[in-house]
Amino acid sequence: MISPTHPAASWFLVLSGAGFLLAYGLPLALFPLRWARWFRWKVPAETDLAVYLGRCVGVLAIAIIAVAFRAAPHPERVPALFDLIAWVGALMTALHVYGAVRRVQPWPETAEIALYAPLALVAAWLRAGLG
């Protein structure tokens, strides 16, 4: 499952994929309001839209993670996946910085900046090494 020619890229896909699947993909897809409460969001009285959007984000995350797991044995065959992960990480960093500056998100969301920024940088670095 780990590429002998690009082990760092393989491990990155496996470990980051597993982490995001457990912390974001499955919880958002299966129980988005419980996830929101874990991250200290105030849940509104009308929840249909929040549930729908949370599940949408969850299944998008699961789809990306599934591709990451499939690509792990031969990451050099899917360099665009690293571009996607780098862009998602960079845009999520910007989104979380914006929320922090505006003070419109709970502190766990601001703490995620320390997760998304390195994710983006490592994905971009690994992408460069794939040629």
C-alpha atoms as a PDB file:
ATOM      1  CA  MET A   1       0.000   0.000   0.000  1.00  0.00           C
ATOM      2  CA  ILE A   2       2.983   2.325   0.455  1.00  0.00           C
ATOM      3  CA  SER A   3       4.866   3.346  -2.654  1.00  0.00           C
ATOM      4  CA  PRO A   4       8.526   2.270  -2.593  1.00  0.00           C
ATOM      5  CA  THR A   5       9.450   5.232  -4.812  1.00  0.00           C
ATOM      6  CA  HIS A   6       7.374   7.898  -3.025  1.00  0.00           C
ATOM      7  CA  PRO A   7       6.803   6.672   0.546  1.00  0.00           C
ATOM      8  CA  ALA A   8       6.332  10.138   2.052  1.00  0.00           C
ATOM      9  CA  ALA A   9       3.556  10.903  -0.422  1.00  0.00           C
ATOM     10  CA  SER A  10       1.900   7.541   0.284  1.00  0.00           C
ATOM     11  CA  TRP A  11       2.065   7.983   4.054  1.00  0.00           C
ATOM     12  CA  PHE A  12       0.717  11.530   3.732  1.00  0.00           C
ATOM     13  CA  LEU A  13      -2.316  10.280   1.789  1.00  0.00           C
ATOM     14  CA  VAL A  14      -2.993   7.402   4.181  1.00  0.00           C
ATOM     15  CA  LEU A  15      -2.512   9.294   7.457  1.00  0.00           C
ATOM     16  CA  SER A  16      -4.161  12.569   6.477  1.00  0.00           C
ATOM     17  CA  GLY A  17      -6.974  10.637   4.808  1.00  0.00           C
ATOM     18  CA  ALA A  18      -7.631   8.523   7.893  1.00  0.00           C
ATOM     19  CA  GLY A  19      -7.486  11.553  10.176  1.00  0.00           C
ATOM     20  CA  PHE A  20      -9.862  13.614   8.081  1.00  0.00           C
ATOM     21  CA  LEU A  21     -12.215  10.681   7.573  1.00  0.00           C
ATOM     22  CA  LEU A  22     -12.560  10.169  11.335  1.00  0.00           C
ATOM     23  CA  ALA A  23     -12.582  13.829  12.400  1.00  0.00           C
ATOM     24  CA  TYR A  24     -14.556  15.439   9.572  1.00  0.00           C
ATOM     25  CA  GLY A  25     -15.872  13.244   6.761  1.00  0.00           C
ATOM     26  CA  LEU A  26     -17.867  10.643   8.662  1.00  0.00           C
ATOM     27  CA  PRO A  27     -19.057  12.882  11.519  1.00  0.00           C
ATOM     28  CA  LEU A  28     -20.231  15.602   9.140  1.00  0.00           C
ATOM     29  CA  ALA A  29     -21.955  13.148   6.815  1.00  0.00           C
ATOM     30  CA  LEU A  30     -23.614  11.128   9.588  1.00  0.00           C
ATOM     31  CA  PHE A  31     -24.347  13.578  12.399  1.00  0.00           C
ATOM     32  CA  PRO A  32     -23.510  17.171  11.398  1.00  0.00           C
ATOM     33  CA  LEU A  33     -25.237  18.882  14.329  1.00  0.00           C
ATOM     34  CA  ARG A  34     -23.439  16.751  16.906  1.00  0.00           C
ATOM     35  CA  TRP A  35     -20.171  17.580  15.098  1.00  0.00           C
ATOM     36  CA  ALA A  36     -21.088  21.282  15.220  1.00  0.00           C
ATOM     37  CA  ARG A  37     -21.684  21.081  18.959  1.00  0.00           C
ATOM     38  CA  TRP A  38     -18.315  19.327  19.461  1.00  0.00           C
ATOM     39  CA  PHE A  39     -16.717  22.306  17.725  1.00  0.00           C
ATOM     40  CA  ARG A  40     -18.687  24.671  19.951  1.00  0.00           C
ATOM     41  CA  TRP A  41     -21.023  26.079  17.322  1.00  0.00           C
ATOM     42  CA  LYS A  42     -24.407  27.351  18.466  1.00  0.00           C
ATOM     43  CA  VAL A  43     -27.012  25.253  16.696  1.00  0.00           C
ATOM     44  CA  PRO A  44     -30.010  27.290  15.495  1.00  0.00           C
ATOM     45  CA  ALA A  45     -33.616  26.314  16.078  1.00  0.00           C
ATOM     46  CA  GLU A  46     -34.141  25.650  12.354  1.00  0.00           C
ATOM     47  CA  THR A  47     -31.588  22.971  11.483  1.00  0.00           C
ATOM     48  CA  ASP A  48     -32.596  21.575   8.089  1.00  0.00           C
ATOM     49  CA  LEU A  49     -30.166  23.754   6.114  1.00  0.00           C
ATOM     50  CA  ALA A  50     -27.322  23.171   8.572  1.00  0.00           C
ATOM     51  CA  VAL A  51     -27.838  19.398   8.398  1.00  0.00           C
ATOM     52  CA  TYR A  52     -27.985  19.473   4.595  1.00  0.00           C
ATOM     53  CA  LEU A  53     -24.841  21.605   4.202  1.00  0.00           C
ATOM     54  CA  GLY A  54     -22.946  19.633   6.836  1.00  0.00           C
ATOM     55  CA  ARG A  55     -23.749  16.376   5.087  1.00  0.00           C
ATOM     56  CA  CYS A  56     -22.748  17.853   1.721  1.00  0.00           C
ATOM     57  CA  VAL A  57     -19.360  18.878   3.110  1.00  0.00           C
ATOM     58  CA  GLY A  58     -18.987  15.483   4.758  1.00  0.00           C
ATOM     59  CA  VAL A  59     -19.594  13.488   1.595  1.00  0.00           C
ATOM     60  CA  LEU A  60     -17.273  15.769  -0.401  1.00  0.00           C
ATOM     61  CA  ALA A  61     -14.564  15.091   2.176  1.00  0.00           C
ATOM     62  CA  ILE A  62     -15.237  11.354   2.016  1.00  0.00           C
ATOM     63  CA  ALA A  63     -14.945  11.413  -1.788  1.00  0.00           C
ATOM     64  CA  ILE A  64     -11.565  13.165  -1.672  1.00  0.00           C
ATOM     65  CA  ILE A  65     -10.386  10.789   1.060  1.00  0.00           C
ATOM     66  CA  ALA A  66     -11.477   7.756  -0.989  1.00  0.00           C
ATOM     67  CA  VAL A  67      -9.385   9.000  -3.919  1.00  0.00           C
ATOM     68  CA  ALA A  68      -6.461   9.606  -1.545  1.00  0.00           C
ATOM     69  CA  PHE A  69      -6.645   6.039  -0.224  1.00  0.00           C
ATOM     70  CA  ARG A  70      -6.845   4.659  -3.760  1.00  0.00           C
ATOM     71  CA  ALA A  71      -3.884   6.793  -4.872  1.00  0.00           C
ATOM     72  CA  ALA A  72      -1.668   5.956  -1.872  1.00  0.00           C
ATOM     73  CA  PRO A  73       0.098   2.920  -3.430  1.00  0.00           C
ATOM     74  CA  HIS A  74       1.127   4.968  -6.496  1.00  0.00           C
ATOM     75  CA  PRO A  75       0.853   8.685  -5.683  1.00  0.00           C
ATOM     76  CA  GLU A  76       2.986   9.633  -8.685  1.00  0.00           C
ATOM     77  CA  ARG A  77       0.075   8.574 -10.914  1.00  0.00           C
ATOM     78  CA  VAL A  78      -2.257  11.204  -9.445  1.00  0.00           C
ATOM     79  CA  PRO A  79      -0.267  14.422  -8.964  1.00  0.00           C
ATOM     80  CA  ALA A  80      -3.420  16.502  -9.366  1.00  0.00           C
ATOM     81  CA  LEU A  81      -4.697  15.032  -6.099  1.00  0.00           C
ATOM     82  CA  PHE A  82      -1.876  16.825  -4.282  1.00  0.00           C
ATOM     83  CA  ASP A  83      -2.828  20.043  -6.082  1.00  0.00           C
ATOM     84  CA  LEU A  84      -6.413  19.558  -4.906  1.00  0.00           C
ATOM     85  CA  ILE A  85      -5.360  18.895  -1.309  1.00  0.00           C
ATOM     86  CA  ALA A  86      -3.032  21.922  -1.361  1.00  0.00           C
ATOM     87  CA  TRP A  87      -5.795  24.171  -2.709  1.00  0.00           C
ATOM     88  CA  VAL A  88      -8.373  22.871  -0.243  1.00  0.00           C
ATOM     89  CA  GLY A  89      -5.898  23.344   2.611  1.00  0.00           C
ATOM     90  CA  ALA A  90      -4.965  26.866   1.486  1.00  0.00           C
ATOM     91  CA  LEU A  91      -8.573  27.951   0.995  1.00  0.00           C
ATOM     92  CA  MET A  92      -9.659  26.424   4.305  1.00  0.00           C
ATOM     93  CA  THR A  93      -6.785  28.269   5.981  1.00  0.00           C
ATOM     94  CA  ALA A  94      -7.944  31.554   4.438  1.00  0.00           C
ATOM     95  CA  LEU A  95     -11.562  30.853   5.406  1.00  0.00           C
ATOM     96  CA  HIS A  96     -10.615  30.096   9.002  1.00  0.00           C
ATOM     97  CA  VAL A  97      -8.352  33.166   9.245  1.00  0.00           C
ATOM     98  CA  TYR A  98     -11.232  35.288   7.931  1.00  0.00           C
ATOM     99  CA  GLY A  99     -13.568  33.832  10.558  1.00  0.00           C
ATOM    100  CA  ALA A 100     -10.980  34.387  13.283  1.00  0.00           C
ATOM    101  CA  VAL A 101     -10.383  38.012  12.294  1.00  0.00           C
ATOM    102  CA  ARG A 102     -14.130  38.677  12.231  1.00  0.00           C
ATOM    103  CA  ARG A 103     -14.564  36.740  15.507  1.00  0.00           C
ATOM    104  CA  VAL A 104     -17.532  34.804  14.125  1.00  0.00           C
ATOM    105  CA  GLN A 105     -16.394  31.266  14.867  1.00  0.00           C
ATOM    106  CA  PRO A 106     -15.712  29.255  18.006  1.00  0.00           C
ATOM    107  CA  TRP A 107     -12.104  28.753  19.063  1.00  0.00           C
ATOM    108  CA  PRO A 108     -11.805  25.157  17.746  1.00  0.00           C
ATOM    109  CA  GLU A 109     -12.384  26.523  14.242  1.00  0.00           C
ATOM    110  CA  THR A 110      -9.597  29.061  14.701  1.00  0.00           C
ATOM    111  CA  ALA A 111      -7.339  26.288  15.991  1.00  0.00           C
ATOM    112  CA  GLU A 112      -7.890  24.451  12.695  1.00  0.00           C
ATOM    113  CA  ILE A 113      -5.653  27.025  11.009  1.00  0.00           C
ATOM    114  CA  ALA A 114      -2.754  25.064  12.531  1.00  0.00           C
ATOM    115  CA  LEU A 115      -4.095  21.976  10.744  1.00  0.00           C
ATOM    116  CA  TYR A 116      -4.973  23.329   7.313  1.00  0.00           C
ATOM    117  CA  ALA A 117      -1.915  25.519   6.700  1.00  0.00           C
ATOM    118  CA  PRO A 118       0.630  22.698   7.187  1.00  0.00           C
ATOM    119  CA  LEU A 119      -1.616  20.327   5.226  1.00  0.00           C
ATOM    120  CA  ALA A 120      -1.508  22.710   2.258  1.00  0.00           C
ATOM    121  CA  LEU A 121       2.241  23.232   2.510  1.00  0.00           C
ATOM    122  CA  VAL A 122       3.055  19.527   2.802  1.00  0.00           C
ATOM    123  CA  ALA A 123       0.741  18.643  -0.094  1.00  0.00           C
ATOM    124  CA  ALA A 124       2.387  21.309  -2.278  1.00  0.00           C
ATOM    125  CA  TRP A 125       5.867  20.144  -1.258  1.00  0.00           C
ATOM    126  CA  LEU A 126       5.028  16.505  -1.995  1.00  0.00           C
ATOM    127  CA  ARG A 127       3.457  17.497  -5.314  1.00  0.00           C
ATOM    128  CA  ALA A 128       6.688  19.218  -6.337  1.00  0.00           C
ATOM    129  CA  GLY A 129       8.593  16.016  -5.612  1.00  0.00           C
ATOM    130  CA  LEU A 130       6.335  13.963  -7.877  1.00  0.00           C
ATOM    131  CA  GLY A 131       7.595  15.800 -10.951  1.00  0.00           C
END
